Amino acid sequence: VKARAGPSFQERVDAALKGINAKTHALESEQRKALQAAVEKGRSRPTSAPVRPNRLSPNQQAMLQDRIKKMKEQDEAYKKQMADMRKKMNEREPLFRLSDVQAGFEMLRLQQEERRRELQQEEHERWAHLRNVEESAFQRPLLIEDFNYRPPRAESAPTLRLQPDPESE
């Protein structure tokens, strides 16, 4: 049975461990070689710029003078631009004149007064209509007094039901 079963679990683990260890050692050695090559390449390069002789160096004093000159020119151009802008803003025509604004307020006030008058007139007419309705109601006979009474109808009022014509009968 032992011969047919093959290697034990521990033997299989040990064999797999040897294979993995061999692969990792090979990988680590490759990585060490790559790192060593990169370090050697870095050390072979110069770490600073070569020293330049004075005759080849730029004239820093002239560069400074040019920069100061450009700054002054830009400052003057900016001040001129701002002065022009302020002058333009101070001399521009206003969007609204005071007289136009006052006229607008006056127009609104007149419209409000006119609307108030219209509403008062409308209220007066409504009250007059209500008084008229009340007076006409007092002049009508009560239904108890004459139950055949029919209120007068306007000619334009629609007839809702057909009434028999007394002459045709």
C-alpha atoms as a PDB file:
ATOM      1  CA  VAL A   1       0.000   0.000   0.000  1.00  0.00           C
ATOM      2  CA  LYS A   2       2.817   2.331   0.910  1.00  0.00           C
ATOM      3  CA  ALA A   3       4.477   1.875  -2.471  1.00  0.00           C
ATOM      4  CA  ARG A   4       1.254   2.553  -4.375  1.00  0.00           C
ATOM      5  CA  ALA A   5       0.340   5.620  -2.257  1.00  0.00           C
ATOM      6  CA  GLY A   6       3.388   7.589  -3.344  1.00  0.00           C
ATOM      7  CA  PRO A   7       5.302  10.195  -1.316  1.00  0.00           C
ATOM      8  CA  SER A   8       3.787  11.454   1.932  1.00  0.00           C
ATOM      9  CA  PHE A   9       2.344  14.946   2.375  1.00  0.00           C
ATOM     10  CA  GLN A  10       5.497  16.178   4.126  1.00  0.00           C
ATOM     11  CA  GLU A  11       7.710  14.833   1.326  1.00  0.00           C
ATOM     12  CA  ARG A  12       5.562  16.627  -1.285  1.00  0.00           C
ATOM     13  CA  VAL A  13       5.716  19.904   0.702  1.00  0.00           C
ATOM     14  CA  ASP A  14       9.499  19.624   1.021  1.00  0.00           C
ATOM     15  CA  ALA A  15       9.865  19.039  -2.738  1.00  0.00           C
ATOM     16  CA  ALA A  16       7.661  22.039  -3.569  1.00  0.00           C
ATOM     17  CA  LEU A  17       9.599  24.179  -1.071  1.00  0.00           C
ATOM     18  CA  LYS A  18      12.917  23.280  -2.724  1.00  0.00           C
ATOM     19  CA  GLY A  19      11.538  24.281  -6.143  1.00  0.00           C
ATOM     20  CA  ILE A  20      10.165  27.594  -4.868  1.00  0.00           C
ATOM     21  CA  ASN A  21      13.404  28.370  -2.998  1.00  0.00           C
ATOM     22  CA  ALA A  22      15.427  27.756  -6.155  1.00  0.00           C
ATOM     23  CA  LYS A  23      13.195  30.085  -8.188  1.00  0.00           C
ATOM     24  CA  THR A  24      13.302  32.866  -5.574  1.00  0.00           C
ATOM     25  CA  HIS A  25      17.107  32.614  -5.236  1.00  0.00           C
ATOM     26  CA  ALA A  26      17.453  32.937  -9.018  1.00  0.00           C
ATOM     27  CA  LEU A  27      15.078  35.917  -9.092  1.00  0.00           C
ATOM     28  CA  GLU A  28      16.865  37.614  -6.188  1.00  0.00           C
ATOM     29  CA  SER A  29      20.257  37.193  -7.843  1.00  0.00           C
ATOM     30  CA  GLU A  30      18.921  38.751 -11.087  1.00  0.00           C
ATOM     31  CA  GLN A  31      17.486  41.679  -9.135  1.00  0.00           C
ATOM     32  CA  ARG A  32      20.770  42.146  -7.235  1.00  0.00           C
ATOM     33  CA  LYS A  33      22.667  42.227 -10.539  1.00  0.00           C
ATOM     34  CA  ALA A  34      20.237  44.822 -11.978  1.00  0.00           C
ATOM     35  CA  LEU A  35      20.563  46.993  -8.853  1.00  0.00           C
ATOM     36  CA  GLN A  36      24.349  46.724  -8.885  1.00  0.00           C
ATOM     37  CA  ALA A  37      24.441  47.722 -12.575  1.00  0.00           C
ATOM     38  CA  ALA A  38      22.199  50.741 -11.893  1.00  0.00           C
ATOM     39  CA  VAL A  39      24.391  51.854  -8.970  1.00  0.00           C
ATOM     40  CA  GLU A  40      27.564  51.536 -11.076  1.00  0.00           C
ATOM     41  CA  LYS A  41      25.948  53.450 -13.951  1.00  0.00           C
ATOM     42  CA  GLY A  42      24.885  56.235 -11.581  1.00  0.00           C
ATOM     43  CA  ARG A  43      28.337  56.507 -10.025  1.00  0.00           C
ATOM     44  CA  SER A  44      29.980  56.670 -13.445  1.00  0.00           C
ATOM     45  CA  ARG A  45      28.051  59.858 -14.338  1.00  0.00           C
ATOM     46  CA  PRO A  46      29.116  63.295 -13.102  1.00  0.00           C
ATOM     47  CA  THR A  47      27.119  64.644 -10.150  1.00  0.00           C
ATOM     48  CA  SER A  48      27.544  68.343 -10.916  1.00  0.00           C
ATOM     49  CA  ALA A  49      27.986  70.595 -13.908  1.00  0.00           C
ATOM     50  CA  PRO A  50      31.503  71.167 -15.109  1.00  0.00           C
ATOM     51  CA  VAL A  51      33.153  74.363 -13.967  1.00  0.00           C
ATOM     52  CA  ARG A  52      32.733  77.082 -16.545  1.00  0.00           C
ATOM     53  CA  PRO A  53      35.524  79.602 -17.060  1.00  0.00           C
ATOM     54  CA  ASN A  54      34.735  83.255 -16.280  1.00  0.00           C
ATOM     55  CA  ARG A  55      35.102  84.327 -19.882  1.00  0.00           C
ATOM     56  CA  LEU A  56      32.232  81.983 -20.878  1.00  0.00           C
ATOM     57  CA  SER A  57      29.875  82.903 -18.020  1.00  0.00           C
ATOM     58  CA  PRO A  58      27.033  85.318 -18.847  1.00  0.00           C
ATOM     59  CA  ASN A  59      27.299  88.919 -17.746  1.00  0.00           C
ATOM     60  CA  GLN A  60      24.999  88.884 -14.732  1.00  0.00           C
ATOM     61  CA  GLN A  61      25.226  92.627 -14.226  1.00  0.00           C
ATOM     62  CA  ALA A  62      23.964  93.263 -17.770  1.00  0.00           C
ATOM     63  CA  MET A  63      21.185  90.691 -17.285  1.00  0.00           C
ATOM     64  CA  LEU A  64      20.145  92.413 -14.059  1.00  0.00           C
ATOM     65  CA  GLN A  65      20.114  95.820 -15.763  1.00  0.00           C
ATOM     66  CA  ASP A  66      17.963  94.441 -18.608  1.00  0.00           C
ATOM     67  CA  ARG A  67      15.536  92.915 -16.131  1.00  0.00           C
ATOM     68  CA  ILE A  68      15.265  96.157 -14.154  1.00  0.00           C
ATOM     69  CA  LYS A  69      14.681  98.090 -17.390  1.00  0.00           C
ATOM     70  CA  LYS A  70      11.911  95.685 -18.491  1.00  0.00           C
ATOM     71  CA  MET A  71      10.283  95.874 -15.058  1.00  0.00           C
ATOM     72  CA  LYS A  72      10.247  99.690 -15.212  1.00  0.00           C
ATOM     73  CA  GLU A  73       8.740  99.626 -18.714  1.00  0.00           C
ATOM     74  CA  GLN A  74       6.043  97.179 -17.648  1.00  0.00           C
ATOM     75  CA  ASP A  75       5.323  99.208 -14.505  1.00  0.00           C
ATOM     76  CA  GLU A  76       4.958 102.413 -16.530  1.00  0.00           C
ATOM     77  CA  ALA A  77       2.718 100.679 -19.077  1.00  0.00           C
ATOM     78  CA  TYR A  78       0.543  99.325 -16.259  1.00  0.00           C
ATOM     79  CA  LYS A  79       0.263 102.726 -14.574  1.00  0.00           C
ATOM     80  CA  LYS A  80      -0.645 104.357 -17.899  1.00  0.00           C
ATOM     81  CA  GLN A  81      -3.248 101.677 -18.608  1.00  0.00           C
ATOM     82  CA  MET A  82      -4.785 102.106 -15.138  1.00  0.00           C
ATOM     83  CA  ALA A  83      -4.828 105.912 -15.505  1.00  0.00           C
ATOM     84  CA  ASP A  84      -6.558 105.602 -18.889  1.00  0.00           C
ATOM     85  CA  MET A  85      -9.088 103.198 -17.412  1.00  0.00           C
ATOM     86  CA  ARG A  86      -9.829 105.520 -14.454  1.00  0.00           C
ATOM     87  CA  LYS A  87     -10.187 108.487 -16.817  1.00  0.00           C
ATOM     88  CA  LYS A  88     -12.550 106.512 -19.043  1.00  0.00           C
ATOM     89  CA  MET A  89     -14.627 105.421 -16.034  1.00  0.00           C
ATOM     90  CA  ASN A  90     -14.848 108.960 -14.651  1.00  0.00           C
ATOM     91  CA  GLU A  91     -15.809 110.490 -18.002  1.00  0.00           C
ATOM     92  CA  ARG A  92     -18.323 107.893 -19.123  1.00  0.00           C
ATOM     93  CA  GLU A  93     -21.983 108.722 -19.404  1.00  0.00           C
ATOM     94  CA  PRO A  94     -24.027 107.309 -16.523  1.00  0.00           C
ATOM     95  CA  LEU A  95     -26.387 104.446 -17.239  1.00  0.00           C
ATOM     96  CA  PHE A  96     -29.298 106.204 -15.528  1.00  0.00           C
ATOM     97  CA  ARG A  97     -29.763 109.911 -15.096  1.00  0.00           C
ATOM     98  CA  LEU A  98     -31.378 111.136 -11.901  1.00  0.00           C
ATOM     99  CA  SER A  99     -34.121 112.880 -13.868  1.00  0.00           C
ATOM    100  CA  ASP A 100     -34.948 109.608 -15.689  1.00  0.00           C
ATOM    101  CA  VAL A 101     -35.149 107.738 -12.399  1.00  0.00           C
ATOM    102  CA  GLN A 102     -37.369 110.435 -10.855  1.00  0.00           C
ATOM    103  CA  ALA A 103     -39.612 110.352 -13.923  1.00  0.00           C
ATOM    104  CA  GLY A 104     -39.891 106.571 -13.585  1.00  0.00           C
ATOM    105  CA  PHE A 105     -40.890 106.856  -9.925  1.00  0.00           C
ATOM    106  CA  GLU A 106     -43.430 109.552 -10.783  1.00  0.00           C
ATOM    107  CA  MET A 107     -44.891 107.354 -13.527  1.00  0.00           C
ATOM    108  CA  LEU A 108     -45.198 104.438 -11.085  1.00  0.00           C
ATOM    109  CA  ARG A 109     -46.904 106.684  -8.527  1.00  0.00           C
ATOM    110  CA  LEU A 110     -49.413 107.913 -11.146  1.00  0.00           C
ATOM    111  CA  GLN A 111     -50.131 104.338 -12.233  1.00  0.00           C
ATOM    112  CA  GLN A 112     -50.745 103.348  -8.617  1.00  0.00           C
ATOM    113  CA  GLU A 113     -53.136 106.270  -8.108  1.00  0.00           C
ATOM    114  CA  GLU A 114     -54.998 105.430 -11.330  1.00  0.00           C
ATOM    115  CA  ARG A 115     -55.296 101.779 -10.302  1.00  0.00           C
ATOM    116  CA  ARG A 116     -56.521 102.823  -6.848  1.00  0.00           C
ATOM    117  CA  ARG A 117     -59.197 105.034  -8.470  1.00  0.00           C
ATOM    118  CA  GLU A 118     -60.250 102.178 -10.776  1.00  0.00           C
ATOM    119  CA  LEU A 119     -60.558  99.792  -7.838  1.00  0.00           C
ATOM    120  CA  GLN A 120     -62.604 102.337  -5.853  1.00  0.00           C
ATOM    121  CA  GLN A 121     -64.900 102.888  -8.845  1.00  0.00           C
ATOM    122  CA  GLU A 122     -65.294  99.126  -9.292  1.00  0.00           C
ATOM    123  CA  GLU A 123     -66.085  98.720  -5.589  1.00  0.00           C
ATOM    124  CA  HIS A 124     -68.656 101.534  -5.801  1.00  0.00           C
ATOM    125  CA  GLU A 125     -70.301  99.849  -8.820  1.00  0.00           C
ATOM    126  CA  ARG A 126     -70.409  96.486  -7.013  1.00  0.00           C
ATOM    127  CA  TRP A 127     -72.069  98.029  -3.954  1.00  0.00           C
ATOM    128  CA  ALA A 128     -74.576  99.830  -6.185  1.00  0.00           C
ATOM    129  CA  HIS A 129     -75.351  96.541  -7.927  1.00  0.00           C
ATOM    130  CA  LEU A 130     -75.832  94.786  -4.583  1.00  0.00           C
ATOM    131  CA  ARG A 131     -78.225  97.555  -3.429  1.00  0.00           C
ATOM    132  CA  ASN A 132     -80.113  97.271  -6.722  1.00  0.00           C
ATOM    133  CA  VAL A 133     -80.426  93.489  -6.313  1.00  0.00           C
ATOM    134  CA  GLU A 134     -81.633  93.960  -2.751  1.00  0.00           C
ATOM    135  CA  GLU A 135     -84.236  96.556  -3.803  1.00  0.00           C
ATOM    136  CA  SER A 136     -85.527  94.401  -6.656  1.00  0.00           C
ATOM    137  CA  ALA A 137     -85.802  91.460  -4.274  1.00  0.00           C
ATOM    138  CA  PHE A 138     -88.015  93.554  -1.983  1.00  0.00           C
ATOM    139  CA  GLN A 139     -90.301  94.475  -4.881  1.00  0.00           C
ATOM    140  CA  ARG A 140     -90.897  90.885  -5.969  1.00  0.00           C
ATOM    141  CA  PRO A 141     -93.804  88.953  -4.551  1.00  0.00           C
ATOM    142  CA  LEU A 142     -92.959  85.998  -2.359  1.00  0.00           C
ATOM    143  CA  LEU A 143     -93.493  82.503  -3.742  1.00  0.00           C
ATOM    144  CA  ILE A 144     -95.978  81.887  -0.969  1.00  0.00           C
ATOM    145  CA  GLU A 145     -98.125  84.737  -2.263  1.00  0.00           C
ATOM    146  CA  ASP A 146     -98.199  83.548  -5.887  1.00  0.00           C
ATOM    147  CA  PHE A 147     -96.598  80.213  -6.652  1.00  0.00           C
ATOM    148  CA  ASN A 148     -97.318  80.541 -10.407  1.00  0.00           C
ATOM    149  CA  TYR A 149     -95.115  83.629 -10.536  1.00  0.00           C
ATOM    150  CA  ARG A 150     -92.244  83.389 -12.963  1.00  0.00           C
ATOM    151  CA  PRO A 151     -89.530  86.027 -12.857  1.00  0.00           C
ATOM    152  CA  PRO A 152     -89.111  88.080 -16.011  1.00  0.00           C
ATOM    153  CA  ARG A 153     -86.543  86.657 -18.386  1.00  0.00           C
ATOM    154  CA  ALA A 154     -84.229  88.503 -20.641  1.00  0.00           C
ATOM    155  CA  GLU A 155     -84.664  87.891 -24.345  1.00  0.00           C
ATOM    156  CA  SER A 156     -81.066  86.685 -24.601  1.00  0.00           C
ATOM    157  CA  ALA A 157     -81.442  84.148 -21.759  1.00  0.00           C
ATOM    158  CA  PRO A 158     -81.562  80.555 -23.014  1.00  0.00           C
ATOM    159  CA  THR A 159     -84.654  78.472 -22.537  1.00  0.00           C
ATOM    160  CA  LEU A 160     -83.659  75.481 -20.502  1.00  0.00           C
ATOM    161  CA  ARG A 161     -86.810  73.402 -20.931  1.00  0.00           C
ATOM    162  CA  LEU A 162     -89.554  73.395 -23.449  1.00  0.00           C
ATOM    163  CA  GLN A 163     -92.790  74.934 -22.229  1.00  0.00           C
ATOM    164  CA  PRO A 164     -96.035  74.011 -23.901  1.00  0.00           C
ATOM    165  CA  ASP A 165     -97.415  76.763 -26.039  1.00  0.00           C
ATOM    166  CA  PRO A 166    -100.908  77.680 -24.667  1.00  0.00           C
ATOM    167  CA  GLU A 167    -102.151  78.967 -28.054  1.00  0.00           C
ATOM    168  CA  SER A 168    -101.428  75.743 -29.922  1.00  0.00           C
ATOM    169  CA  GLU A 169    -103.569  73.667 -27.583  1.00  0.00           C
END
